Amino acid sequence: MASGLHLTLHDGGALQAERSLPKALRGENVTDLVAGEEVAALAAVDREIAEGLDVELPPLGSWLPNRVDYCQNVQLRDQAEVIRTLEKYAGIELPRKALPVRGQEHSVTWGHGAIRPKVYSKFLETRGDPRARGVLRYESGVIKARSFKDKYLWPLRSHVVAPCDELRLVDVLNPAIHAAVLGRYVAYLRGDLMTAKELSDLDFMRELLSFFGAPIAARLLGWCTVFYLVGVRNRRDLLASPVAAVATRYRVAAQLREFRVHLVEKGWLDLTAETRDAAVDDLLVRLGALGKAA
């Protein structure tokens, strides 16, 4: 049987298959699948199953999905930055989740709920594959077919039309669901600031210091950290918080907006008018998380 393919026969006769689709297609999963490769990857797994079992089975794409891991690789400057980022994430509590669990090789996992995010070093996970040097891997696993209809996963429901008991694996391997799943927590972790032109934590702080100067930048970082520690995650809650004086809260919100405009002008952010408040929320969260991790 192909290395990496795991088959489990459960009580009642249900057969479960577990396989990395990029590995089945290309022999490695350092690079992500691109749109359109899913069909070829599923066919590769079908061939592996046929070689391992002397029975004729329906195509894997027609099976009920039990777990699907949606992944995204981010190339950082070097391995040191990957480790620093994982150390920072180890102290971040995601919405509706407790603090993460630290695993082997600095991995960070939030293991509760229908979506279970995990972040790790691809270089360490592959035991030193040079193609994975500096690669930070984001992975969000959706557990059970019914989770694709869960009320907490409302972005997915518009993309999944089949009843849960008729849902097929191929139905959930599409770019819209991939983006919706990763967007729920991965965009939150990344602060929506790391785009095609990556902005590391170090570059982010340099931009902050350059734009505001050290005294104002230090005060802004300090207040964002305080608000973050008391649970504030967006502009609306910031303005309503009793933690600081009204003038202080509005000053912090105004400075975050100013910094957002600066990042847009420098090409670090590409935002429409509809996403301005969300960008301020992301800046608040990123500064708070950086201050907490310091």
Protein backbone atom coordinates (compact mmCIF):
# COMPACT_ATOMS: atom_id res chain seq x y z
CA MET A 1 0.00 0.00 0.00
CA ALA A 2 1.25 3.54 -0.76
CA SER A 3 3.27 5.20 1.97
CA GLY A 4 1.14 7.89 3.63
CA LEU A 5 -2.23 6.29 2.84
CA HIS A 6 -4.02 5.15 5.99
CA LEU A 7 -7.15 2.99 5.74
CA THR A 8 -9.30 2.12 8.76
CA LEU A 9 -12.22 -0.32 8.77
CA HIS A 10 -14.69 0.68 11.49
CA ASP A 11 -17.35 -1.40 13.22
CA GLY A 12 -20.35 -1.59 10.92
CA GLY A 13 -18.21 -1.80 7.80
CA ALA A 14 -17.39 1.88 7.21
CA LEU A 15 -14.02 2.39 5.55
CA GLN A 16 -12.06 5.54 6.36
CA ALA A 17 -9.19 6.82 4.21
CA GLU A 18 -6.65 9.43 5.31
CA ARG A 19 -4.22 10.94 2.83
CA SER A 20 -2.39 14.17 2.02
CA LEU A 21 -3.64 15.20 -1.41
CA PRO A 22 -0.50 17.15 -2.40
CA LYS A 23 1.67 14.17 -1.42
CA ALA A 24 -0.51 11.81 -3.44
CA LEU A 25 -0.25 14.07 -6.49
CA ARG A 26 3.34 15.31 -6.29
CA GLY A 27 5.06 13.27 -3.60
CA GLU A 28 5.45 16.29 -1.31
CA ASN A 29 3.25 18.82 0.49
CA VAL A 30 5.66 21.69 0.88
CA THR A 31 3.71 23.49 -1.84
CA ASP A 32 -0.06 23.87 -1.67
CA LEU A 33 -2.50 22.57 -4.24
CA VAL A 34 -3.70 25.19 -6.67
CA ALA A 35 -7.28 25.46 -7.94
CA GLY A 36 -8.03 22.65 -10.36
CA GLU A 37 -5.51 20.16 -8.98
CA GLU A 38 -8.00 18.60 -6.53
CA VAL A 39 -9.49 16.28 -9.18
CA ALA A 40 -6.08 14.93 -10.19
CA ALA A 41 -5.10 14.49 -6.53
CA LEU A 42 -8.28 12.54 -5.74
CA ALA A 43 -7.64 10.33 -8.77
CA ALA A 44 -4.13 9.65 -7.49
CA VAL A 45 -5.54 8.49 -4.15
CA ASP A 46 -8.08 6.30 -5.97
CA ARG A 47 -5.18 4.55 -7.68
CA GLU A 48 -3.41 4.05 -4.36
CA ILE A 49 -6.53 2.55 -2.78
CA ALA A 50 -7.07 0.26 -5.79
CA GLU A 51 -3.48 -0.98 -5.51
CA GLY A 52 -3.84 -1.66 -1.81
CA LEU A 53 -7.26 -3.33 -1.81
CA ASP A 54 -8.48 -6.06 -4.12
CA VAL A 55 -12.00 -4.64 -4.28
CA GLU A 56 -13.74 -2.07 -6.44
CA LEU A 57 -14.77 1.02 -4.44
CA PRO A 58 -16.56 4.26 -5.36
CA PRO A 59 -14.24 7.20 -6.17
CA LEU A 60 -12.83 8.93 -3.09
CA GLY A 61 -14.44 12.20 -4.15
CA SER A 62 -17.87 10.65 -3.54
CA TRP A 63 -17.05 9.63 0.06
CA LEU A 64 -18.48 11.45 3.08
CA PRO A 65 -15.86 13.89 4.45
CA ASN A 66 -14.94 13.10 8.05
CA ARG A 67 -12.15 15.66 8.35
CA VAL A 68 -10.69 18.12 5.86
CA ASP A 69 -7.57 20.16 6.62
CA TYR A 70 -7.36 23.44 4.69
CA CYS A 71 -3.80 24.75 4.53
CA GLN A 72 -1.85 27.84 3.60
CA ASN A 73 1.91 28.33 3.49
CA VAL A 74 3.48 31.69 4.27
CA GLN A 75 7.13 32.31 3.40
CA LEU A 76 8.84 34.30 6.14
CA ARG A 77 12.32 35.74 6.11
CA ASP A 78 14.04 32.85 7.87
CA GLN A 79 13.51 30.05 10.39
CA ALA A 80 14.18 32.38 13.31
CA GLU A 81 11.16 34.47 12.32
CA VAL A 82 9.04 31.31 12.04
CA ILE A 83 9.96 30.35 15.62
CA ARG A 84 9.33 33.89 16.92
CA THR A 85 5.89 33.89 15.30
CA LEU A 86 5.01 30.51 16.84
CA GLU A 87 6.14 31.73 20.25
CA LYS A 88 3.84 34.73 19.87
CA TYR A 89 0.89 32.57 18.80
CA ALA A 90 1.36 30.32 21.84
CA GLY A 91 -0.10 33.09 23.99
CA ILE A 92 -3.06 34.02 21.77
CA GLU A 93 -6.58 32.97 22.76
CA LEU A 94 -8.80 32.72 19.70
CA PRO A 95 -12.54 33.54 19.83
CA ARG A 96 -14.62 30.69 21.33
CA LYS A 97 -11.42 28.77 22.07
CA ALA A 98 -9.10 28.41 25.02
CA LEU A 99 -5.37 29.04 24.92
CA PRO A 100 -3.56 26.81 22.42
CA VAL A 101 -1.65 23.64 23.18
CA ARG A 102 2.08 23.61 22.47
CA GLY A 103 3.17 20.54 20.55
CA GLN A 104 6.37 19.13 19.21
CA GLU A 105 8.74 21.37 17.27
CA HIS A 106 7.02 24.58 18.44
CA SER A 107 3.63 23.76 16.83
CA VAL A 108 0.59 25.59 18.22
CA THR A 109 -2.90 24.03 18.13
CA TRP A 110 -6.35 25.25 19.19
CA GLY A 111 -7.98 21.83 19.48
CA HIS A 112 -11.62 22.48 20.37
CA GLY A 113 -14.68 23.06 18.23
CA ALA A 114 -15.74 22.30 14.69
CA ILE A 115 -12.75 24.15 13.20
CA ARG A 116 -9.36 23.37 14.75
CA PRO A 117 -6.54 25.68 13.70
CA LYS A 118 -2.90 24.68 13.88
CA VAL A 119 0.28 26.57 13.01
CA TYR A 120 3.71 25.02 12.68
CA SER A 121 7.11 25.17 11.00
CA LYS A 122 7.02 23.28 7.73
CA PHE A 123 10.82 23.05 7.78
CA LEU A 124 10.79 21.25 11.13
CA GLU A 125 7.77 19.11 10.19
CA THR A 126 9.56 17.87 7.07
CA ARG A 127 12.76 17.29 9.08
CA GLY A 128 14.80 19.82 7.22
CA ASP A 129 13.50 19.86 3.64
CA PRO A 130 15.36 22.88 2.20
CA ARG A 131 12.28 23.88 0.17
CA ALA A 132 10.42 24.44 3.45
CA ARG A 133 12.99 26.70 5.10
CA GLY A 134 11.23 29.76 6.49
CA VAL A 135 7.75 28.41 5.68
CA LEU A 136 5.07 28.95 8.32
CA ARG A 137 2.16 26.54 7.79
CA TYR A 138 -1.40 27.47 8.74
CA GLU A 139 -3.82 24.56 8.90
CA SER A 140 -7.52 24.60 9.82
CA GLY A 141 -9.22 21.23 10.14
CA VAL A 142 -12.99 20.96 9.78
CA ILE A 143 -14.20 18.00 11.84
CA LYS A 144 -17.24 15.91 10.75
CA ALA A 145 -19.49 16.46 7.74
CA ARG A 146 -22.16 18.19 9.83
CA SER A 147 -19.70 20.96 10.67
CA PHE A 148 -20.06 22.32 7.16
CA LYS A 149 -23.67 23.15 8.07
CA ASP A 150 -22.94 24.36 11.61
CA LYS A 151 -24.42 27.73 12.55
CA TYR A 152 -20.99 28.98 13.60
CA LEU A 153 -19.64 28.32 10.12
CA TRP A 154 -22.12 30.52 8.30
CA PRO A 155 -19.64 31.49 5.52
CA LEU A 156 -19.59 27.84 4.46
CA ARG A 157 -23.33 27.28 4.25
CA SER A 158 -23.77 29.30 1.07
CA HIS A 159 -21.19 27.09 -0.63
CA VAL A 160 -22.51 23.70 0.55
CA VAL A 161 -25.90 22.85 -0.89
CA ALA A 162 -26.07 19.08 -0.27
CA PRO A 163 -27.67 17.66 2.89
CA CYS A 164 -25.10 16.50 5.44
CA ASP A 165 -25.78 12.80 4.82
CA GLU A 166 -25.33 13.34 1.06
CA LEU A 167 -22.27 15.56 1.29
CA ARG A 168 -19.30 14.36 -0.78
CA LEU A 169 -15.62 15.08 -0.30
CA VAL A 170 -15.45 16.72 -3.72
CA ASP A 171 -18.21 19.15 -2.64
CA VAL A 172 -15.99 20.71 0.03
CA LEU A 173 -12.77 20.88 -1.98
CA ASN A 174 -13.39 24.22 -3.60
CA PRO A 175 -11.70 27.63 -3.28
CA ALA A 176 -14.70 29.33 -1.65
CA ILE A 177 -14.79 26.91 1.28
CA HIS A 178 -11.00 26.92 1.52
CA ALA A 179 -11.05 30.72 1.85
CA ALA A 180 -13.97 30.70 4.30
CA VAL A 181 -12.34 28.17 6.63
CA LEU A 182 -8.94 29.83 6.63
CA GLY A 183 -10.49 33.26 6.90
CA ARG A 184 -12.23 32.39 10.16
CA TYR A 185 -9.05 32.10 12.24
CA VAL A 186 -5.99 32.34 10.02
CA ALA A 187 -6.81 35.87 8.85
CA TYR A 188 -7.37 36.74 12.54
CA LEU A 189 -3.93 35.40 13.47
CA ARG A 190 -2.18 37.06 10.58
CA GLY A 191 -3.90 40.38 11.16
CA ASP A 192 -4.74 40.58 7.45
CA LEU A 193 -1.45 42.43 7.06
CA MET A 194 0.66 39.68 5.51
CA THR A 195 -0.29 39.73 1.86
CA ALA A 196 1.72 39.04 -1.26
CA LYS A 197 4.27 41.50 0.17
CA GLU A 198 4.90 40.01 3.61
CA LEU A 199 5.13 42.38 6.58
CA SER A 200 7.01 40.69 9.43
CA ASP A 201 6.59 41.66 13.08
CA LEU A 202 9.95 43.43 12.97
CA ASP A 203 9.02 45.41 9.85
CA PHE A 204 5.62 46.13 11.32
CA MET A 205 7.16 47.67 14.47
CA ARG A 206 9.69 49.61 12.39
CA GLU A 207 6.85 51.12 10.37
CA LEU A 208 5.02 52.00 13.58
CA LEU A 209 8.10 53.71 15.08
CA SER A 210 8.92 55.50 11.85
CA PHE A 211 5.39 56.81 11.42
CA PHE A 212 4.61 57.95 14.98
CA GLY A 213 7.99 58.28 16.64
CA ALA A 214 9.03 56.32 19.73
CA PRO A 215 6.95 58.07 22.46
CA ILE A 216 3.60 57.89 20.62
CA ALA A 217 4.31 54.40 19.25
CA ALA A 218 5.15 53.15 22.75
CA ARG A 219 1.94 54.62 24.19
CA LEU A 220 -0.17 53.18 21.37
CA LEU A 221 1.41 49.74 21.78
CA GLY A 222 0.86 49.91 25.53
CA TRP A 223 -2.81 50.84 25.27
CA CYS A 224 -3.48 48.22 22.58
CA THR A 225 -1.87 45.62 24.84
CA VAL A 226 -4.05 46.65 27.79
CA PHE A 227 -7.21 46.54 25.69
CA TYR A 228 -6.18 43.17 24.23
CA LEU A 229 -5.61 41.70 27.70
CA VAL A 230 -9.12 42.71 28.82
CA GLY A 231 -10.71 41.11 25.78
CA VAL A 232 -11.15 44.03 23.38
CA ARG A 233 -10.84 42.81 19.79
CA ASN A 234 -12.50 45.52 17.67
CA ARG A 235 -13.04 49.26 17.38
CA ARG A 236 -16.59 49.15 18.67
CA ASP A 237 -15.58 47.41 21.90
CA LEU A 238 -12.58 49.71 22.19
CA LEU A 239 -14.76 52.82 22.18
CA ALA A 240 -17.18 51.26 24.69
CA SER A 241 -14.52 49.95 27.06
CA PRO A 242 -14.45 51.38 30.63
CA VAL A 243 -10.72 50.71 30.91
CA ALA A 244 -9.54 54.18 29.82
CA ALA A 245 -10.89 57.71 29.58
CA VAL A 246 -13.10 58.51 26.60
CA ALA A 247 -10.47 60.83 25.11
CA THR A 248 -7.84 58.08 25.34
CA ARG A 249 -10.07 55.51 23.65
CA TYR A 250 -10.88 57.83 20.74
CA ARG A 251 -7.24 58.86 20.41
CA VAL A 252 -6.17 55.21 20.13
CA ALA A 253 -8.86 54.54 17.49
CA ALA A 254 -7.80 57.63 15.53
CA GLN A 255 -4.13 56.63 15.62
CA LEU A 256 -4.97 53.13 14.39
CA ARG A 257 -6.88 54.68 11.48
CA GLU A 258 -3.92 56.95 10.69
CA PHE A 259 -1.57 53.98 10.73
CA ARG A 260 -3.92 52.01 8.49
CA VAL A 261 -3.87 54.84 5.91
CA HIS A 262 -0.07 54.88 6.09
CA LEU A 263 0.14 51.11 5.46
CA VAL A 264 -2.25 51.40 2.52
CA GLU A 265 -0.20 54.23 0.98
CA LYS A 266 2.98 52.16 1.30
CA GLY A 267 1.33 49.16 -0.34
CA TRP A 268 1.23 46.95 2.75
CA LEU A 269 -2.58 46.93 2.75
CA ASP A 270 -5.02 46.90 -0.15
CA LEU A 271 -8.40 47.78 1.28
CA THR A 272 -11.76 48.96 0.10
CA ALA A 273 -13.95 51.38 2.02
CA GLU A 274 -16.09 48.49 3.27
CA THR A 275 -13.15 46.93 5.09
CA ARG A 276 -11.74 49.98 6.89
CA ASP A 277 -13.18 49.16 10.31
CA ALA A 278 -12.05 45.55 9.94
CA ALA A 279 -8.52 46.77 9.19
CA VAL A 280 -8.53 48.90 12.35
CA ASP A 281 -9.71 45.84 14.29
CA ASP A 282 -6.83 43.80 12.85
CA LEU A 283 -4.28 46.46 13.75
CA LEU A 284 -5.63 46.60 17.31
CA VAL A 285 -5.38 42.81 17.63
CA ARG A 286 -1.93 42.60 16.10
CA LEU A 287 -0.47 45.34 18.30
CA GLY A 288 -2.13 43.83 21.38
CA ALA A 289 -0.80 40.36 20.62
CA LEU A 290 2.70 41.72 20.00
CA GLY A 291 2.64 43.61 23.28
CA LYS A 292 1.39 40.58 25.18
CA ALA A 293 4.10 38.38 23.70
CA ALA A 294 6.89 40.86 24.42
